[in-house]
mmCIF file of all heavy atoms, coordinates in Angstrom:
data_MODEL
# 
_entry.id   MODEL 
# 
loop_
_atom_site.group_PDB 
_atom_site.id 
_atom_site.type_symbol 
_atom_site.label_atom_id 
_atom_site.label_alt_id 
_atom_site.label_comp_id 
_atom_site.label_asym_id 
_atom_site.label_entity_id 
_atom_site.label_seq_id 
_atom_site.pdbx_PDB_ins_code 
_atom_site.Cartn_x 
_atom_site.Cartn_y 
_atom_site.Cartn_z 
_atom_site.occupancy 
_atom_site.B_iso_or_equiv 
_atom_site.pdbx_formal_charge 
_atom_site.auth_seq_id 
_atom_site.auth_comp_id 
_atom_site.auth_asym_id 
_atom_site.auth_atom_id 
_atom_site.pdbx_PDB_model_num 
ATOM 1   N N   . SER A 1 1  ? 109.234 94.693  85.984  1.00 0.00 ? 1  SER A N   1 
ATOM 2   C CA  . SER A 1 1  ? 108.929 93.955  84.755  1.00 0.00 ? 1  SER A CA  1 
ATOM 3   C C   . SER A 1 1  ? 109.852 92.751  84.612  1.00 0.00 ? 1  SER A C   1 
ATOM 4   O O   . SER A 1 1  ? 109.411 91.643  84.275  1.00 0.00 ? 1  SER A O   1 
ATOM 5   C CB  . SER A 1 1  ? 109.081 94.867  83.533  1.00 0.00 ? 1  SER A CB  1 
ATOM 6   O OG  . SER A 1 1  ? 108.436 96.103  83.718  1.00 0.00 ? 1  SER A OG  1 
ATOM 7   N N   . LEU A 1 2  ? 111.143 92.970  84.839  1.00 0.00 ? 2  LEU A N   1 
ATOM 8   C CA  . LEU A 1 2  ? 112.106 91.880  84.745  1.00 0.00 ? 2  LEU A CA  1 
ATOM 9   C C   . LEU A 1 2  ? 111.787 90.766  85.725  1.00 0.00 ? 2  LEU A C   1 
ATOM 10  O O   . LEU A 1 2  ? 111.850 89.570  85.386  1.00 0.00 ? 2  LEU A O   1 
ATOM 11  C CB  . LEU A 1 2  ? 113.521 92.397  85.028  1.00 0.00 ? 2  LEU A CB  1 
ATOM 12  C CG  . LEU A 1 2  ? 114.239 93.127  83.901  1.00 0.00 ? 2  LEU A CG  1 
ATOM 13  C CD1 . LEU A 1 2  ? 115.565 93.694  84.409  1.00 0.00 ? 2  LEU A CD1 1 
ATOM 14  C CD2 . LEU A 1 2  ? 114.474 92.188  82.726  1.00 0.00 ? 2  LEU A CD2 1 
ATOM 15  N N   . ASN A 1 3  ? 111.437 91.144  86.939  1.00 0.00 ? 3  ASN A N   1 
ATOM 16  C CA  . ASN A 1 3  ? 111.152 90.122  87.943  1.00 0.00 ? 3  ASN A CA  1 
ATOM 17  C C   . ASN A 1 3  ? 109.877 89.360  87.636  1.00 0.00 ? 3  ASN A C   1 
ATOM 18  O O   . ASN A 1 3  ? 109.791 88.155  87.891  1.00 0.00 ? 3  ASN A O   1 
ATOM 19  C CB  . ASN A 1 3  ? 111.116 90.766  89.325  1.00 0.00 ? 3  ASN A CB  1 
ATOM 20  C CG  . ASN A 1 3  ? 112.511 90.991  89.872  1.00 0.00 ? 3  ASN A CG  1 
ATOM 21  O OD1 . ASN A 1 3  ? 113.091 90.099  90.459  1.00 0.00 ? 3  ASN A OD1 1 
ATOM 22  N ND2 . ASN A 1 3  ? 113.066 92.171  89.623  1.00 0.00 ? 3  ASN A ND2 1 
ATOM 23  N N   . ARG A 1 4  ? 108.871 90.049  87.072  1.00 0.00 ? 4  ARG A N   1 
ATOM 24  C CA  . ARG A 1 4  ? 107.674 89.329  86.635  1.00 0.00 ? 4  ARG A CA  1 
ATOM 25  C C   . ARG A 1 4  ? 108.020 88.321  85.540  1.00 0.00 ? 4  ARG A C   1 
ATOM 26  O O   . ARG A 1 4  ? 107.546 87.182  85.542  1.00 0.00 ? 4  ARG A O   1 
ATOM 27  C CB  . ARG A 1 4  ? 106.622 90.312  86.137  1.00 0.00 ? 4  ARG A CB  1 
ATOM 28  C CG  . ARG A 1 4  ? 105.872 91.046  87.243  1.00 0.00 ? 4  ARG A CG  1 
ATOM 29  C CD  . ARG A 1 4  ? 104.691 91.842  86.704  1.00 0.00 ? 4  ARG A CD  1 
ATOM 30  N NE  . ARG A 1 4  ? 105.121 93.050  86.001  1.00 0.00 ? 4  ARG A NE  1 
ATOM 31  C CZ  . ARG A 1 4  ? 105.161 94.261  86.548  1.00 0.00 ? 4  ARG A CZ  1 
ATOM 32  N NH1 . ARG A 1 4  ? 104.809 94.435  87.818  1.00 0.00 ? 4  ARG A NH1 1 
ATOM 33  N NH2 . ARG A 1 4  ? 105.552 95.309  85.840  1.00 0.00 ? 4  ARG A NH2 1 
ATOM 34  N N   . MET A 1 5  ? 108.872 88.744  84.588  1.00 0.00 ? 5  MET A N   1 
ATOM 35  C CA  . MET A 1 5  ? 109.225 87.867  83.473  1.00 0.00 ? 5  MET A CA  1 
ATOM 36  C C   . MET A 1 5  ? 110.046 86.672  83.936  1.00 0.00 ? 5  MET A C   1 
ATOM 37  O O   . MET A 1 5  ? 109.771 85.524  83.560  1.00 0.00 ? 5  MET A O   1 
ATOM 38  C CB  . MET A 1 5  ? 110.000 88.655  82.418  1.00 0.00 ? 5  MET A CB  1 
ATOM 39  C CG  . MET A 1 5  ? 110.187 87.898  81.122  1.00 0.00 ? 5  MET A CG  1 
ATOM 40  S SD  . MET A 1 5  ? 111.699 88.372  80.249  1.00 0.00 ? 5  MET A SD  1 
ATOM 41  C CE  . MET A 1 5  ? 112.942 87.649  81.313  1.00 0.00 ? 5  MET A CE  1 
ATOM 42  N N   . TYR A 1 6  ? 111.074 86.929  84.761  1.00 0.00 ? 6  TYR A N   1 
ATOM 43  C CA  . TYR A 1 6  ? 111.895 85.828  85.270  1.00 0.00 ? 6  TYR A CA  1 
ATOM 44  C C   . TYR A 1 6  ? 111.034 84.820  86.028  1.00 0.00 ? 6  TYR A C   1 
ATOM 45  O O   . TYR A 1 6  ? 111.158 83.605  85.854  1.00 0.00 ? 6  TYR A O   1 
ATOM 46  C CB  . TYR A 1 6  ? 112.971 86.373  86.219  1.00 0.00 ? 6  TYR A CB  1 
ATOM 47  C CG  . TYR A 1 6  ? 114.166 86.991  85.554  1.00 0.00 ? 6  TYR A CG  1 
ATOM 48  C CD1 . TYR A 1 6  ? 114.665 88.212  86.000  1.00 0.00 ? 6  TYR A CD1 1 
ATOM 49  C CD2 . TYR A 1 6  ? 114.820 86.360  84.505  1.00 0.00 ? 6  TYR A CD2 1 
ATOM 50  C CE1 . TYR A 1 6  ? 115.774 88.801  85.410  1.00 0.00 ? 6  TYR A CE1 1 
ATOM 51  C CE2 . TYR A 1 6  ? 115.932 86.940  83.904  1.00 0.00 ? 6  TYR A CE2 1 
ATOM 52  C CZ  . TYR A 1 6  ? 116.410 88.156  84.367  1.00 0.00 ? 6  TYR A CZ  1 
ATOM 53  O OH  . TYR A 1 6  ? 117.502 88.720  83.775  1.00 0.00 ? 6  TYR A OH  1 
ATOM 54  N N   . ALA A 1 7  ? 110.155 85.314  86.889  1.00 0.00 ? 7  ALA A N   1 
ATOM 55  C CA  . ALA A 1 7  ? 109.342 84.432  87.729  1.00 0.00 ? 7  ALA A CA  1 
ATOM 56  C C   . ALA A 1 7  ? 108.371 83.609  86.893  1.00 0.00 ? 7  ALA A C   1 
ATOM 57  O O   . ALA A 1 7  ? 108.152 82.421  87.170  1.00 0.00 ? 7  ALA A O   1 
ATOM 58  C CB  . ALA A 1 7  ? 108.585 85.254  88.774  1.00 0.00 ? 7  ALA A CB  1 
ATOM 59  N N   . ASN A 1 8  ? 107.803 84.218  85.843  1.00 0.00 ? 8  ASN A N   1 
ATOM 60  C CA  . ASN A 1 8  ? 106.898 83.490  84.964  1.00 0.00 ? 8  ASN A CA  1 
ATOM 61  C C   . ASN A 1 8  ? 107.631 82.408  84.187  1.00 0.00 ? 8  ASN A C   1 
ATOM 62  O O   . ASN A 1 8  ? 107.091 81.319  83.944  1.00 0.00 ? 8  ASN A O   1 
ATOM 63  C CB  . ASN A 1 8  ? 106.202 84.452  84.001  1.00 0.00 ? 8  ASN A CB  1 
ATOM 64  C CG  . ASN A 1 8  ? 104.921 85.026  84.560  1.00 0.00 ? 8  ASN A CG  1 
ATOM 65  O OD1 . ASN A 1 8  ? 103.834 84.556  84.254  1.00 0.00 ? 8  ASN A OD1 1 
ATOM 66  N ND2 . ASN A 1 8  ? 105.036 86.040  85.403  1.00 0.00 ? 8  ASN A ND2 1 
ATOM 67  N N   . ALA A 1 9  ? 108.859 82.695  83.770  1.00 0.00 ? 9  ALA A N   1 
ATOM 68  C CA  . ALA A 1 9  ? 109.640 81.709  83.035  1.00 0.00 ? 9  ALA A CA  1 
ATOM 69  C C   . ALA A 1 9  ? 110.014 80.526  83.917  1.00 0.00 ? 9  ALA A C   1 
ATOM 70  O O   . ALA A 1 9  ? 110.025 79.374  83.462  1.00 0.00 ? 9  ALA A O   1 
ATOM 71  C CB  . ALA A 1 9  ? 110.899 82.362  82.474  1.00 0.00 ? 9  ALA A CB  1 
ATOM 72  N N   . ILE A 1 10 ? 110.291 80.797  85.186  1.00 0.00 ? 10 ILE A N   1 
ATOM 73  C CA  . ILE A 1 10 ? 110.728 79.750  86.116  1.00 0.00 ? 10 ILE A CA  1 
ATOM 74  C C   . ILE A 1 10 ? 109.550 78.941  86.646  1.00 0.00 ? 10 ILE A C   1 
ATOM 75  O O   . ILE A 1 10 ? 109.624 77.716  86.782  1.00 0.00 ? 10 ILE A O   1 
ATOM 76  C CB  . ILE A 1 10 ? 111.509 80.395  87.281  1.00 0.00 ? 10 ILE A CB  1 
ATOM 77  C CG1 . ILE A 1 10 ? 112.827 80.989  86.758  1.00 0.00 ? 10 ILE A CG1 1 
ATOM 78  C CG2 . ILE A 1 10 ? 111.800 79.383  88.383  1.00 0.00 ? 10 ILE A CG2 1 
ATOM 79  C CD1 . ILE A 1 10 ? 113.455 81.983  87.696  1.00 0.00 ? 10 ILE A CD1 1 
ATOM 80  N N   . LEU A 1 11 ? 108.441 79.621  86.944  1.00 0.00 ? 11 LEU A N   1 
ATOM 81  C CA  . LEU A 1 11 ? 107.240 78.958  87.465  1.00 0.00 ? 11 LEU A CA  1 
ATOM 82  C C   . LEU A 1 11 ? 106.089 79.208  86.496  1.00 0.00 ? 11 LEU A C   1 
ATOM 83  O O   . LEU A 1 11 ? 105.255 80.094  86.708  1.00 0.00 ? 11 LEU A O   1 
ATOM 84  C CB  . LEU A 1 11 ? 106.890 79.494  88.856  1.00 0.00 ? 11 LEU A CB  1 
ATOM 85  C CG  . LEU A 1 11 ? 107.896 79.235  89.969  1.00 0.00 ? 11 LEU A CG  1 
ATOM 86  C CD1 . LEU A 1 11 ? 107.463 79.936  91.263  1.00 0.00 ? 11 LEU A CD1 1 
ATOM 87  C CD2 . LEU A 1 11 ? 108.058 77.729  90.210  1.00 0.00 ? 11 LEU A CD2 1 
ATOM 88  N N   . PRO A 1 12 ? 106.008 78.448  85.404  1.00 0.00 ? 12 PRO A N   1 
ATOM 89  C CA  . PRO A 1 12 ? 104.971 78.713  84.401  1.00 0.00 ? 12 PRO A CA  1 
ATOM 90  C C   . PRO A 1 12 ? 103.554 78.497  84.907  1.00 0.00 ? 12 PRO A C   1 
ATOM 91  O O   . PRO A 1 12 ? 102.616 79.059  84.357  1.00 0.00 ? 12 PRO A O   1 
ATOM 92  C CB  . PRO A 1 12 ? 105.321 77.751  83.259  1.00 0.00 ? 12 PRO A CB  1 
ATOM 93  C CG  . PRO A 1 12 ? 106.197 76.715  83.861  1.00 0.00 ? 12 PRO A CG  1 
ATOM 94  C CD  . PRO A 1 12 ? 106.927 77.364  84.981  1.00 0.00 ? 12 PRO A CD  1 
ATOM 95  N N   . GLU A 1 13 ? 103.399 77.672  85.946  1.00 0.00 ? 13 GLU A N   1 
ATOM 96  C CA  . GLU A 1 13 ? 102.075 77.492  86.533  1.00 0.00 ? 13 GLU A CA  1 
ATOM 97  C C   . GLU A 1 13 ? 102.027 78.248  87.849  1.00 0.00 ? 13 GLU A C   1 
ATOM 98  O O   . GLU A 1 13 ? 102.688 77.871  88.822  1.00 0.00 ? 13 GLU A O   1 
ATOM 99  C CB  . GLU A 1 13 ? 101.769 76.008  86.748  1.00 0.00 ? 13 GLU A CB  1 
ATOM 100 C CG  . GLU A 1 13 ? 101.587 75.249  85.452  1.00 0.00 ? 13 GLU A CG  1 
ATOM 101 C CD  . GLU A 1 13 ? 100.728 74.004  85.626  1.00 0.00 ? 13 GLU A CD  1 
ATOM 102 O OE1 . GLU A 1 13 ? 99.938  73.948  86.587  1.00 0.00 ? 13 GLU A OE1 1 
ATOM 103 O OE2 . GLU A 1 13 ? 100.856 73.108  84.781  1.00 0.00 ? 13 GLU A OE2 1 
ATOM 104 N N   . GLY A 1 14 ? 101.262 79.336  87.871  1.00 0.00 ? 14 GLY A N   1 
ATOM 105 C CA  . GLY A 1 14 ? 101.194 80.138  89.087  1.00 0.00 ? 14 GLY A CA  1 
ATOM 106 C C   . GLY A 1 14 ? 100.426 81.421  88.872  1.00 0.00 ? 14 GLY A C   1 
ATOM 107 O O   . GLY A 1 14 ? 99.758  81.603  87.849  1.00 0.00 ? 14 GLY A O   1 
ATOM 108 N N   . SER A 1 15 ? 100.544 82.324  89.829  1.00 0.00 ? 15 SER A N   1 
ATOM 109 C CA  . SER A 1 15 ? 99.814  83.590  89.793  1.00 0.00 ? 15 SER A CA  1 
ATOM 110 C C   . SER A 1 15 ? 100.764 84.736  90.111  1.00 0.00 ? 15 SER A C   1 
ATOM 111 O O   . SER A 1 15 ? 101.660 84.603  90.959  1.00 0.00 ? 15 SER A O   1 
ATOM 112 C CB  . SER A 1 15 ? 98.667  83.590  90.809  1.00 0.00 ? 15 SER A CB  1 
ATOM 113 O OG  . SER A 1 15 ? 97.744  82.547  90.524  1.00 0.00 ? 15 SER A OG  1 
ATOM 114 N N   . ASP A 1 16 ? 100.560 85.868  89.419  1.00 0.00 ? 16 ASP A N   1 
ATOM 115 C CA  . ASP A 1 16 ? 101.368 87.070  89.633  1.00 0.00 ? 16 ASP A CA  1 
ATOM 116 C C   . ASP A 1 16 ? 100.635 88.057  90.529  1.00 0.00 ? 16 ASP A C   1 
ATOM 117 O O   . ASP A 1 16 ? 99.411  88.213  90.423  1.00 0.00 ? 16 ASP A O   1 
ATOM 118 C CB  . ASP A 1 16 ? 101.651 87.779  88.299  1.00 0.00 ? 16 ASP A CB  1 
ATOM 119 C CG  . ASP A 1 16 ? 102.585 86.984  87.421  1.00 0.00 ? 16 ASP A CG  1 
ATOM 120 O OD1 . ASP A 1 16 ? 103.638 86.567  87.918  1.00 0.00 ? 16 ASP A OD1 1 
ATOM 121 O OD2 . ASP A 1 16 ? 102.254 86.783  86.234  1.00 0.00 ? 16 ASP A OD2 1 
ATOM 122 N N   . TYR A 1 17 ? 101.415 88.758  91.361  1.00 0.00 ? 17 TYR A N   1 
ATOM 123 C CA  . TYR A 1 17 ? 100.854 89.805  92.200  1.00 0.00 ? 17 TYR A CA  1 
ATOM 124 C C   . TYR A 1 17 ? 101.852 90.961  92.261  1.00 0.00 ? 17 TYR A C   1 
ATOM 125 O O   . TYR A 1 17 ? 103.050 90.736  92.471  1.00 0.00 ? 17 TYR A O   1 
ATOM 126 C CB  . TYR A 1 17 ? 100.598 89.303  93.626  1.00 0.00 ? 17 TYR A CB  1 
ATOM 127 C CG  . TYR A 1 17 ? 99.633  88.141  93.697  1.00 0.00 ? 17 TYR A CG  1 
ATOM 128 C CD1 . TYR A 1 17 ? 100.099 86.828  93.625  1.00 0.00 ? 17 TYR A CD1 1 
ATOM 129 C CD2 . TYR A 1 17 ? 98.259  88.350  93.824  1.00 0.00 ? 17 TYR A CD2 1 
ATOM 130 C CE1 . TYR A 1 17 ? 99.218  85.755  93.690  1.00 0.00 ? 17 TYR A CE1 1 
ATOM 131 C CE2 . TYR A 1 17 ? 97.373  87.296  93.889  1.00 0.00 ? 17 TYR A CE2 1 
ATOM 132 C CZ  . TYR A 1 17 ? 97.858  85.994  93.821  1.00 0.00 ? 17 TYR A CZ  1 
ATOM 133 O OH  . TYR A 1 17 ? 96.979  84.947  93.870  1.00 0.00 ? 17 TYR A OH  1 
ATOM 134 N N   . THR A 1 18 ? 101.361 92.165  92.059  1.00 0.00 ? 18 THR A N   1 
ATOM 135 C CA  . THR A 1 18 ? 102.192 93.355  92.212  1.00 0.00 ? 18 THR A CA  1 
ATOM 136 C C   . THR A 1 18 ? 101.508 94.294  93.192  1.00 0.00 ? 18 THR A C   1 
ATOM 137 O O   . THR A 1 18 ? 100.330 94.630  93.033  1.00 0.00 ? 18 THR A O   1 
ATOM 138 C CB  . THR A 1 18 ? 102.407 94.073  90.873  1.00 0.00 ? 18 THR A CB  1 
ATOM 139 O OG1 . THR A 1 18 ? 103.020 93.168  89.940  1.00 0.00 ? 18 THR A OG1 1 
ATOM 140 C CG2 . THR A 1 18 ? 103.311 95.285  91.049  1.00 0.00 ? 18 THR A CG2 1 
ATOM 141 N N   . PHE A 1 19 ? 102.242 94.704  94.218  1.00 0.00 ? 19 PHE A N   1 
ATOM 142 C CA  . PHE A 1 19 ? 101.751 95.678  95.186  1.00 0.00 ? 19 PHE A CA  1 
ATOM 143 C C   . PHE A 1 19 ? 102.675 96.894  95.135  1.00 0.00 ? 19 PHE A C   1 
ATOM 144 O O   . PHE A 1 19 ? 103.900 96.743  95.132  1.00 0.00 ? 19 PHE A O   1 
ATOM 145 C CB  . PHE A 1 19 ? 101.771 95.100  96.606  1.00 0.00 ? 19 PHE A CB  1 
ATOM 146 C CG  . PHE A 1 19 ? 100.792 93.976  96.839  1.00 0.00 ? 19 PHE A CG  1 
ATOM 147 C CD1 . PHE A 1 19 ? 101.151 92.663  96.565  1.00 0.00 ? 19 PHE A CD1 1 
ATOM 148 C CD2 . PHE A 1 19 ? 99.523  94.227  97.327  1.00 0.00 ? 19 PHE A CD2 1 
ATOM 149 C CE1 . PHE A 1 19 ? 100.264 91.614  96.772  1.00 0.00 ? 19 PHE A CE1 1 
ATOM 150 C CE2 . PHE A 1 19 ? 98.623  93.197  97.549  1.00 0.00 ? 19 PHE A CE2 1 
ATOM 151 C CZ  . PHE A 1 19 ? 98.991  91.896  97.266  1.00 0.00 ? 19 PHE A CZ  1 
ATOM 152 N N   . TRP A 1 20 ? 102.092 98.087  95.126  1.00 0.00 ? 20 TRP A N   1 
ATOM 153 C CA  . TRP A 1 20 ? 102.868 99.327  95.126  1.00 0.00 ? 20 TRP A CA  1 
ATOM 154 C C   . TRP A 1 20 ? 102.704 100.028 96.461  1.00 0.00 ? 20 TRP A C   1 
ATOM 155 O O   . TRP A 1 20 ? 101.605 100.117 97.013  1.00 0.00 ? 20 TRP A O   1 
ATOM 156 C CB  . TRP A 1 20 ? 102.401 100.255 94.006  1.00 0.00 ? 20 TRP A CB  1 
ATOM 157 C CG  . TRP A 1 20 ? 102.604 99.686  92.642  1.00 0.00 ? 20 TRP A CG  1 
ATOM 158 C CD1 . TRP A 1 20 ? 103.755 99.673  91.905  1.00 0.00 ? 20 TRP A CD1 1 
ATOM 159 C CD2 . TRP A 1 20 ? 101.626 99.026  91.823  1.00 0.00 ? 20 TRP A CD2 1 
ATOM 160 N NE1 . TRP A 1 20 ? 103.557 99.054  90.696  1.00 0.00 ? 20 TRP A NE1 1 
ATOM 161 C CE2 . TRP A 1 20 ? 102.256 98.648  90.617  1.00 0.00 ? 20 TRP A CE2 1 
ATOM 162 C CE3 . TRP A 1 20 ? 100.261 98.725  91.991  1.00 0.00 ? 20 TRP A CE3 1 
ATOM 163 C CZ2 . TRP A 1 20 ? 101.583 97.985  89.603  1.00 0.00 ? 20 TRP A CZ2 1 
ATOM 164 C CZ3 . TRP A 1 20 ? 99.594  98.057  90.981  1.00 0.00 ? 20 TRP A CZ3 1 
ATOM 165 C CH2 . TRP A 1 20 ? 100.258 97.699  89.798  1.00 0.00 ? 20 TRP A CH2 1 
ATOM 166 N N   . GLY A 1 21 ? 103.808 100.563 96.971  1.00 0.00 ? 21 GLY A N   1 
ATOM 167 C CA  . GLY A 1 21 ? 103.741 101.345 98.190  1.00 0.00 ? 21 GLY A CA  1 
ATOM 168 C C   . GLY A 1 21 ? 104.386 100.605 99.370  1.00 0.00 ? 21 GLY A C   1 
ATOM 169 O O   . GLY A 1 21 ? 104.890 99.499  99.220  1.00 0.00 ? 21 GLY A O   1 
ATOM 170 N N   . LYS A 1 22 ? 104.342 101.246 100.524 1.00 0.00 ? 22 LYS A N   1 
ATOM 171 C CA  . LYS A 1 22 ? 103.753 102.561 100.760 1.00 0.00 ? 22 LYS A CA  1 
ATOM 172 C C   . LYS A 1 22 ? 104.610 103.622 100.094 1.00 0.00 ? 22 LYS A C   1 
ATOM 173 O O   . LYS A 1 22 ? 105.824 103.654 100.256 1.00 0.00 ? 22 LYS A O   1 
ATOM 174 C CB  . LYS A 1 22 ? 103.649 102.829 102.253 1.00 0.00 ? 22 LYS A CB  1 
ATOM 175 C CG  . LYS A 1 22 ? 103.064 104.180 102.574 1.00 0.00 ? 22 LYS A CG  1 
ATOM 176 C CD  . LYS A 1 22 ? 102.959 104.410 104.084 1.00 0.00 ? 22 LYS A CD  1 
ATOM 177 C CE  . LYS A 1 22 ? 102.355 105.787 104.358 1.00 0.00 ? 22 LYS A CE  1 
ATOM 178 N NZ  . LYS A 1 22 ? 102.247 106.040 105.830 1.00 0.00 ? 22 LYS A NZ  1 
ATOM 179 N N   . GLY A 1 23 ? 103.938 104.505 99.338  1.00 0.00 ? 23 GLY A N   1 
ATOM 180 C CA  . GLY A 1 23 ? 104.692 105.542 98.674  1.00 0.00 ? 23 GLY A CA  1 
ATOM 181 C C   . GLY A 1 23 ? 103.812 106.606 98.081  1.00 0.00 ? 23 GLY A C   1 
ATOM 182 O O   . GLY A 1 23 ? 102.596 106.444 97.939  1.00 0.00 ? 23 GLY A O   1 
ATOM 183 N N   . VAL A 1 24 ? 104.459 107.718 97.723  1.00 0.00 ? 24 VAL A N   1 
ATOM 184 C CA  . VAL A 1 24 ? 103.758 108.855 97.134  1.00 0.00 ? 24 VAL A CA  1 
ATOM 185 C C   . VAL A 1 24 ? 103.484 108.581 95.662  1.00 0.00 ? 24 VAL A C   1 
ATOM 186 O O   . VAL A 1 24 ? 104.395 108.259 94.901  1.00 0.00 ? 24 VAL A O   1 
ATOM 187 C CB  . VAL A 1 24 ? 104.597 110.146 97.281  1.00 0.00 ? 24 VAL A CB  1 
ATOM 188 C CG1 . VAL A 1 24 ? 103.942 111.297 96.519  1.00 0.00 ? 24 VAL A CG1 1 
ATOM 189 C CG2 . VAL A 1 24 ? 104.766 110.505 98.751  1.00 0.00 ? 24 VAL A CG2 1 
ATOM 190 N N   . SER A 1 25 ? 102.221 108.709 95.271  1.00 0.00 ? 25 SER A N   1 
ATOM 191 C CA  . SER A 1 25 ? 101.854 108.659 93.859  1.00 0.00 ? 25 SER A CA  1 
ATOM 192 C C   . SER A 1 25 ? 101.808 110.097 93.354  1.00 0.00 ? 25 SER A C   1 
ATOM 193 O O   . SER A 1 25 ? 100.925 110.869 93.738  1.00 0.00 ? 25 SER A O   1 
ATOM 194 C CB  . SER A 1 25 ? 100.500 107.983 93.667  1.00 0.00 ? 25 SER A CB  1 
ATOM 195 O OG  . SER A 1 25 ? 100.076 108.124 92.336  1.00 0.00 ? 25 SER A OG  1 
# 
């Protein structure tokens, strides 16, 4: 969450991507 927020504040024009894994859900 923090990294999404920092990145959005620094680069207001752009796209977010979150990938999870490889890992056990």
